[in-house]
Protein backbone atom coordinates (compact mmCIF):
# COMPACT_ATOMS: atom_id res chain seq x y z
CA MET A 1 136.93 102.96 184.68
CA LYS A 2 134.40 101.15 182.46
CA ILE A 3 136.58 101.66 179.36
CA ASN A 4 139.62 100.33 181.20
CA LEU A 5 137.67 97.28 182.32
CA ILE A 6 136.54 96.54 178.75
CA ALA A 7 140.09 97.00 177.46
CA SER A 8 141.40 94.68 180.16
CA VAL A 9 138.85 91.98 179.28
CA CYS A 10 139.65 92.25 175.55
CA LEU A 11 143.38 92.03 176.24
CA GLY A 12 142.82 88.98 178.41
CA LEU A 13 140.81 87.25 175.68
CA LEU A 14 143.48 88.05 173.09
CA MET A 15 146.25 86.66 175.29
CA SER A 16 144.19 83.54 176.00
CA THR A 17 143.60 82.97 172.28
CA ARG A 18 147.30 83.37 171.54
CA ALA A 19 148.19 80.92 174.28
CA ASP A 20 145.67 78.41 172.91
CA GLU A 21 147.15 78.76 169.43
CA ALA A 22 150.66 78.27 170.81
CA LEU A 23 149.58 74.99 172.40
CA PHE A 24 148.14 73.82 169.10
CA ARG A 25 151.34 74.77 167.24
CA GLU A 26 153.35 72.68 169.69
CA VAL A 27 151.20 69.64 168.93
CA GLU A 28 151.36 70.36 165.20
CA GLU A 29 155.16 70.65 165.27
CA ARG A 30 155.52 67.40 167.22
CA SER A 31 153.16 65.54 164.88
CA THR A 32 154.82 66.84 161.73
CA GLY A 33 158.28 65.94 163.04
CA LEU A 34 157.16 62.38 163.76
CA GLN A 35 155.56 62.14 160.32
CA LEU A 36 158.74 63.24 158.55
CA GLN A 37 160.79 60.75 160.57
CA SER A 38 158.36 58.04 159.50
CA LEU A 39 158.65 59.07 155.87
CA ALA A 40 162.45 59.03 155.96
CA ALA A 41 162.46 55.52 157.44
CA SER A 42 159.73 54.06 155.25
CA GLY A 43 161.64 53.14 152.12
CA SER A 44 158.55 54.20 150.19
CA THR A 45 158.52 55.68 146.71
CA CYS A 46 156.97 58.70 148.43
CA THR A 47 159.96 60.69 149.74
CA SER A 48 160.73 64.07 151.25
CA GLU A 49 161.79 65.17 147.77
CA ASN A 50 158.58 64.30 145.91
CA VAL A 51 155.92 64.60 148.61
CA ALA A 52 153.16 67.10 147.78
CA VAL A 53 152.49 69.80 150.36
CA ARG A 54 149.01 71.15 151.10
CA ARG A 55 149.04 74.62 152.62
CA GLU A 56 146.59 76.94 154.34
CA TRP A 57 144.72 79.26 151.97
CA GLY A 58 145.85 82.41 153.78
CA SER A 59 149.51 81.52 153.27
CA LEU A 60 149.23 81.40 149.46
CA SER A 61 150.20 84.34 147.26
CA ALA A 62 147.48 86.32 145.49
CA SER A 63 148.52 84.81 142.16
CA ASP A 64 148.34 81.26 143.56
CA LYS A 65 144.88 81.92 144.97
CA LYS A 66 143.68 83.25 141.62
CA ALA A 67 145.18 80.21 139.87
CA TYR A 68 143.19 77.95 142.18
CA ILE A 69 139.96 79.86 141.55
CA SER A 70 140.61 79.68 137.80
CA ALA A 71 141.09 75.89 138.01
CA LEU A 72 137.87 75.58 140.02
CA MET A 73 135.96 77.44 137.29
CA CYS A 74 137.66 75.26 134.68
CA LEU A 75 136.19 72.12 136.29
CA ARG A 76 132.78 73.58 135.52
CA GLN A 77 133.67 73.60 131.83
CA LYS A 78 134.73 69.95 131.69
CA PRO A 79 132.17 67.32 130.64
CA SER A 80 130.35 65.26 133.23
CA LEU A 81 131.35 61.64 133.77
CA THR A 82 128.27 60.67 135.80
CA PHE A 83 125.46 61.35 133.31
CA PRO A 84 122.95 59.60 133.10
CA THR A 85 123.47 58.24 136.66
CA ALA A 86 123.13 61.86 137.79
CA PRO A 87 120.91 63.43 135.12
CA GLY A 88 121.28 66.90 136.63
CA ALA A 89 125.09 66.93 136.42
CA ARG A 90 126.33 69.32 133.77
CA ASN A 91 130.09 69.27 134.34
CA LEU A 92 132.97 67.61 136.19
CA PHE A 93 132.53 69.76 139.30
CA ASP A 94 128.92 68.58 139.51
CA ASP A 95 130.18 65.00 139.37
CA PHE A 96 131.89 65.37 142.74
CA GLN A 97 128.65 66.59 144.27
CA ALA A 98 126.72 63.79 142.56
CA VAL A 99 128.99 61.03 143.89
CA HIS A 100 128.72 62.45 147.41
CA ILE A 101 124.91 62.65 147.18
CA ASN A 102 124.72 59.10 145.85
CA GLN A 103 126.93 57.62 148.58
CA THR A 104 125.96 59.75 151.59
CA PHE A 105 124.39 56.91 153.56
CA LEU A 106 127.49 54.78 152.96
CA ILE A 107 130.14 57.32 153.99
CA HIS A 108 128.86 59.27 157.01
CA PHE A 109 128.34 58.50 160.70
CA ASN A 110 130.36 55.32 160.28
CA ALA A 111 133.94 54.06 160.13
CA VAL A 112 134.16 54.69 156.37
CA PHE A 113 133.89 58.47 156.74
CA LEU A 114 137.51 59.59 157.11
CA PRO A 115 139.25 57.24 154.62
CA TRP A 116 136.54 57.72 151.98
CA HIS A 117 136.76 61.50 152.17
CA ARG A 118 140.56 61.30 152.03
CA TYR A 119 140.26 59.41 148.74
CA TYR A 120 137.58 61.83 147.51
CA MET A 121 139.68 64.91 148.32
CA TRP A 122 142.70 63.40 146.57
CA ARG A 123 140.63 62.77 143.44
CA TYR A 124 139.33 66.34 143.47
CA GLU A 125 142.87 67.68 143.82
CA LYS A 126 143.93 65.41 140.94
CA ALA A 127 141.16 66.86 138.74
CA LEU A 128 142.24 70.43 139.51
CA ARG A 129 145.81 69.60 138.53
CA GLU A 130 145.39 67.19 135.62
CA GLU A 131 142.19 68.50 134.02
CA CYS A 132 142.71 72.19 134.63
CA GLY A 133 146.45 72.77 134.99
CA TYR A 134 146.55 73.89 138.62
CA GLN A 135 150.17 73.76 139.78
CA GLY A 136 149.52 73.66 143.52
CA TYR A 137 147.67 71.26 145.80
CA GLN A 138 144.35 71.46 147.63
CA PRO A 139 144.59 74.16 150.33
CA TYR A 140 142.91 73.85 153.70
CA TRP A 141 140.91 76.27 155.87
CA GLU A 142 142.54 76.90 159.25
CA TRP A 143 139.25 77.30 161.12
CA SER A 144 140.66 78.50 164.41
CA SER A 145 142.46 81.60 163.13
CA PHE A 146 139.16 83.40 162.57
CA TYR A 147 136.67 81.34 164.53
CA LYS A 148 135.29 84.42 166.28
CA ASP A 149 134.72 86.17 162.93
CA PRO A 150 134.71 83.61 160.07
CA THR A 151 134.03 86.18 157.32
CA ALA A 152 137.32 87.91 158.21
CA SER A 153 139.21 84.83 157.03
CA PRO A 154 141.08 85.26 153.72
CA LEU A 155 138.95 82.38 152.45
CA PHE A 156 135.68 84.22 153.08
CA ASP A 157 136.52 87.95 153.10
CA GLY A 158 134.79 88.56 149.75
CA SER A 159 137.93 89.76 147.96
CA ASP A 160 138.96 88.65 144.49
CA THR A 161 141.35 86.17 146.13
CA SER A 162 138.65 84.53 148.26
CA LEU A 163 135.78 82.09 147.72
CA SER A 164 133.44 85.05 148.27
CA GLY A 165 131.81 85.54 151.65
CA ASN A 166 128.41 85.28 153.26
CA GLY A 167 125.10 85.20 151.43
CA GLU A 168 122.89 88.27 151.49
CA TYR A 169 120.80 88.50 154.60
CA VAL A 170 117.27 87.23 154.20
CA SER A 171 114.87 86.58 157.02
CA HIS A 172 114.71 82.86 157.71
CA GLU A 173 113.76 80.40 160.39
CA ALA A 174 115.99 78.93 163.04
CA PHE A 175 118.13 75.95 162.10
CA ASN A 176 116.16 72.78 162.81
CA TYR A 177 117.79 69.66 161.46
CA THR A 178 116.71 66.07 161.90
CA ILE A 179 119.45 63.64 160.94
CA PRO A 180 117.97 61.24 158.36
CA ARG A 181 117.11 57.71 159.55
CA THR A 182 117.43 58.81 163.19
CA ASN A 183 115.35 60.59 165.79
CA LEU A 184 118.17 63.06 166.50
CA THR A 185 117.33 66.74 165.99
CA VAL A 186 119.66 69.74 166.15
CA SER A 187 118.26 73.24 166.72
CA ARG A 188 120.12 76.55 166.63
CA PRO A 189 119.23 80.20 165.89
CA ALA A 190 119.36 81.47 162.31
CA GLN A 191 122.66 83.06 161.32
CA GLU A 192 123.63 86.22 159.44
CA GLY A 193 123.07 85.37 155.77
CA GLY A 194 120.66 82.98 154.15
CA GLY A 195 120.58 84.38 150.60
CA CYS A 196 122.63 84.20 147.42
CA ILE A 197 126.29 85.21 147.45
CA PRO A 198 126.25 88.84 146.24
CA SER A 199 129.90 89.51 145.35
CA GLY A 200 133.35 88.04 144.87
CA PRO A 201 134.56 85.22 142.61
CA LEU A 202 131.55 82.95 143.32
CA ARG A 203 128.91 85.62 142.84
CA ASN A 204 127.40 83.94 139.77
CA PHE A 205 128.17 80.40 140.85
CA THR A 206 125.35 78.01 139.91
CA VAL A 207 124.55 74.89 141.92
CA ASN A 208 122.90 72.30 139.68
CA LEU A 209 122.17 69.42 142.08
CA GLY A 210 120.34 68.99 145.38
CA PRO A 211 119.12 69.85 147.86
CA VAL A 212 118.20 66.60 149.57
CA ASN A 213 118.02 67.10 153.32
CA SER A 214 117.22 70.75 153.83
CA PRO A 215 116.64 72.42 157.19
CA GLY A 216 115.33 75.93 157.65
CA SER A 217 113.59 78.20 155.15
CA LEU A 218 116.46 79.31 152.92
CA PRO A 219 115.74 80.28 149.29
CA GLY A 220 115.73 77.30 146.94
CA TYR A 221 115.91 74.85 149.79
CA LYS A 222 112.91 72.73 149.11
CA GLY A 223 114.01 69.10 148.84
CA ASN A 224 114.59 67.85 145.32
CA GLY A 225 113.89 64.13 145.39
CA THR A 226 117.13 62.20 145.09
CA GLY A 227 119.10 65.42 144.65
CA LEU A 228 120.49 64.14 141.36
CA GLU A 229 117.95 65.93 139.15
CA TYR A 230 118.74 69.22 137.40
CA ASN A 231 117.91 72.08 139.76
CA PRO A 232 119.96 75.19 138.86
CA ARG A 233 120.03 77.95 141.49
CA CYS A 234 122.43 80.35 143.18
CA LEU A 235 124.91 79.33 145.85
CA VAL A 236 123.49 80.16 149.28
CA ARG A 237 125.46 80.70 152.50
CA ASP A 238 124.30 81.49 156.01
CA MET A 239 127.54 82.26 157.84
CA GLY A 240 127.76 83.26 161.47
CA THR A 241 129.22 82.40 164.86
CA VAL A 242 126.49 80.18 166.32
CA TRP A 243 128.62 77.10 165.61
CA SER A 244 132.10 78.54 165.36
CA ASP A 245 133.19 77.99 168.97
CA ASN A 246 133.50 74.34 167.93
CA LEU A 247 136.47 75.48 165.84
CA SER A 248 138.51 77.21 168.56
CA TRP A 249 142.20 76.48 169.09
CA GLU A 250 141.34 75.00 172.48
CA ASN A 251 138.83 72.53 171.03
CA VAL A 252 141.10 71.48 168.18
CA THR A 253 144.06 70.91 170.52
CA SER A 254 141.90 68.93 172.93
CA LEU A 255 140.69 66.73 170.07
CA LEU A 256 144.29 65.85 169.18
CA ASN A 257 145.67 65.54 172.70
CA THR A 258 142.98 63.73 174.64
CA THR A 259 141.62 61.10 172.25
CA THR A 260 143.54 57.84 172.32
CA ASN A 261 141.63 55.58 169.94
CA PHE A 262 139.93 55.96 166.57
CA LEU A 263 136.36 55.65 167.86
CA ASP A 264 136.87 58.42 170.41
CA PHE A 265 138.71 60.67 167.95
CA LYS A 266 136.20 60.20 165.15
CA GLY A 267 133.20 60.61 167.44
CA ARG A 268 134.43 63.89 168.88
CA LEU A 269 135.51 65.13 165.46
CA ASP A 270 132.03 64.46 164.05
CA VAL A 271 130.08 66.46 166.63
CA GLY A 272 132.78 69.10 167.08
CA VAL A 273 134.90 70.49 164.27
CA HIS A 274 133.21 68.58 161.45
CA ALA A 275 129.72 69.83 162.26
CA GLY A 276 131.11 73.21 163.35
CA GLY A 277 132.83 73.90 160.04
CA HIS A 278 129.88 72.93 157.85
CA PHE A 279 127.35 74.83 159.92
CA THR A 280 129.53 77.93 160.33
CA ILE A 281 129.36 78.30 156.54
CA GLY A 282 125.70 77.29 156.47
CA GLY A 283 123.44 77.41 153.44
CA LEU A 284 124.28 74.43 151.25
CA GLN A 285 126.57 73.17 154.04
CA TYR A 286 123.48 72.37 156.09
CA ASP A 287 122.73 69.59 153.59
CA THR A 288 124.72 66.45 154.44
CA PHE A 289 124.16 65.08 150.94
CA ALA A 290 124.68 68.06 148.63
CA SER A 291 127.28 70.08 150.57
CA PRO A 292 130.12 69.61 147.99
CA GLY A 293 128.18 71.95 145.67
CA ASP A 294 129.87 74.80 147.58
CA PRO A 295 133.62 74.81 146.78
CA ALA A 296 134.28 75.75 150.41
CA PHE A 297 133.47 72.12 151.23
CA PHE A 298 136.84 71.00 149.89
CA PHE A 299 138.76 73.44 152.12
CA HIS A 300 136.85 72.31 155.18
CA HIS A 301 137.43 68.65 154.40
CA ALA A 302 141.10 69.22 153.66
CA GLN A 303 141.28 70.54 157.22
CA ILE A 304 139.34 67.53 158.51
CA ASP A 305 141.85 65.27 156.78
CA ARG A 306 144.67 67.36 158.26
CA MET A 307 143.27 66.81 161.76
CA TRP A 308 143.13 63.06 161.18
CA THR A 309 146.67 63.12 159.77
CA LEU A 310 148.01 65.09 162.76
CA TRP A 311 146.29 62.68 165.16
CA GLN A 312 147.61 59.62 163.33
CA ASN A 313 151.16 60.92 163.35
CA LEU A 314 151.22 61.33 167.13
CA ASP A 315 151.29 57.51 167.35
CA ILE A 316 151.88 56.51 163.75
CA GLU A 317 152.69 52.83 164.23
CA THR A 318 149.39 52.22 166.03
CA ARG A 319 147.12 54.71 164.32
CA LYS A 320 148.19 54.17 160.71
CA THR A 321 146.06 51.03 160.64
CA GLN A 322 143.59 51.90 163.40
CA LEU A 323 140.06 51.89 162.02
CA GLN A 324 137.14 50.93 164.21
CA GLY A 325 133.38 50.97 164.19
CA PRO A 326 130.38 49.89 162.12
CA VAL A 327 130.05 50.32 158.36
CA ASN A 328 126.35 51.30 158.49
CA TRP A 329 125.03 54.85 158.94
CA TRP A 330 124.57 55.27 162.73
CA ASN A 331 124.84 51.47 162.79
CA SER A 332 121.21 51.33 161.70
CA PRO A 333 120.39 48.59 161.11
CA PRO A 334 123.15 46.97 163.15
CA GLY A 335 125.76 45.62 160.78
CA PRO A 336 129.36 44.46 160.56
CA ASN A 337 132.34 46.38 161.86
CA ILE A 338 134.91 47.78 159.46
CA THR A 339 137.90 45.75 158.28
CA LEU A 340 140.87 47.00 156.28
CA ASP A 341 139.81 45.01 153.22
CA TYR A 342 136.45 46.81 153.06
CA PRO A 343 135.88 48.06 149.46
CA VAL A 344 135.21 51.74 148.71
CA ASP A 345 134.85 53.59 145.43
CA LEU A 346 134.08 57.01 143.97
CA GLY A 347 131.60 55.88 141.34
CA ALA A 348 132.63 57.08 137.88
CA LEU A 349 135.43 59.21 139.32
CA ALA A 350 137.86 56.55 140.58
CA PRO A 351 138.23 52.77 140.87
CA GLN A 352 137.29 50.63 143.83
CA VAL A 353 140.07 50.14 146.39
CA GLU A 354 140.42 48.48 149.77
CA ILE A 355 140.02 50.96 152.58
CA GLY A 356 143.31 49.85 154.13
CA THR A 357 145.17 51.47 151.22
CA LEU A 358 143.78 54.87 152.26
CA MET A 359 145.08 54.96 155.81
CA SER A 360 148.38 56.78 155.25
CA THR A 361 149.00 59.96 153.27
CA PHE A 362 152.33 58.42 152.17
CA GLU A 363 151.01 55.10 150.86
CA GLY A 364 148.48 53.67 148.42
CA PRO A 365 147.60 56.33 145.84
CA PHE A 366 148.80 59.15 148.11
CA CYS A 367 152.00 61.09 148.59
CA TYR A 368 151.21 64.33 150.41
CA ARG A 369 151.51 66.09 153.74
CA TYR A 370 150.29 69.30 155.37
CA GLU A 371 152.24 72.42 156.25
């Protein structure tokens, strides 16, 4: 009787998860259809024939995954563009972390967040392709497929076609994080790793910059001044399921279906899937400033950009130019609201542009979609 009850509960949960995924796929299909209609009618130089397609990591072939990993390692052999602005940067991969550290207070918890990271992700993808010969485009991490067991994801299963998995378990304190320049504190139990990555393609991966804002008692996580000084150490992860319910199919679908303006969408995204993805990986992802030092950052933020793209496409004429909110971190001190002519840049990595040119994945410097 007890076994039958357990089996019945498990079956019910499985059916519920499948139903939740089906609802998300309906929204995804509707959004993608509207996007392609918009592209066909746009008269843009970006067309259905030349548009780049970003795909989920698990859908790629083993050879394509290995080609991506090879290009990632290649970036670590290319010379830095940010030295001496970031004296600890030793290569082009470090440059992306350095720019993020340097601009953190300008690009988070404000209206700049989503367009800036879209530009940043595009530049990273461009480096993989043009500097290191990668033939594909930046993949994304479909959080919801494995939200109950993140290390089972093809991205984190520890195989030679993954980005390695969790860090080794080391005893460490609970997660206690005070958001800089605020009185807001987040507290959660410690997760299942906390140490260096022991195996897989990123086993010997060295992080040269950071940390800056460092909760918990993880190895090597004493703050390092500005974070731009040379501080070589292993890549640490602290994966687990404390945060991963944020990434469920139900939560993702609700985000897309029930938010009707940019402020609402962006606010719920920040505290939901954005925080959930970073903190499910843990380790370096606990550090708002230095998180791009883990290559998994770029898969998480490709998915963040995908969510914004899907949401935009559900009402493309309104949402393509919809950008609201203050430009200051947590609006502290109170400052101006965003306008589409607001300038953003990527430091040494890319020129300054107006933020309005970053609102559509088919316009400005962009020509890509998600599949």
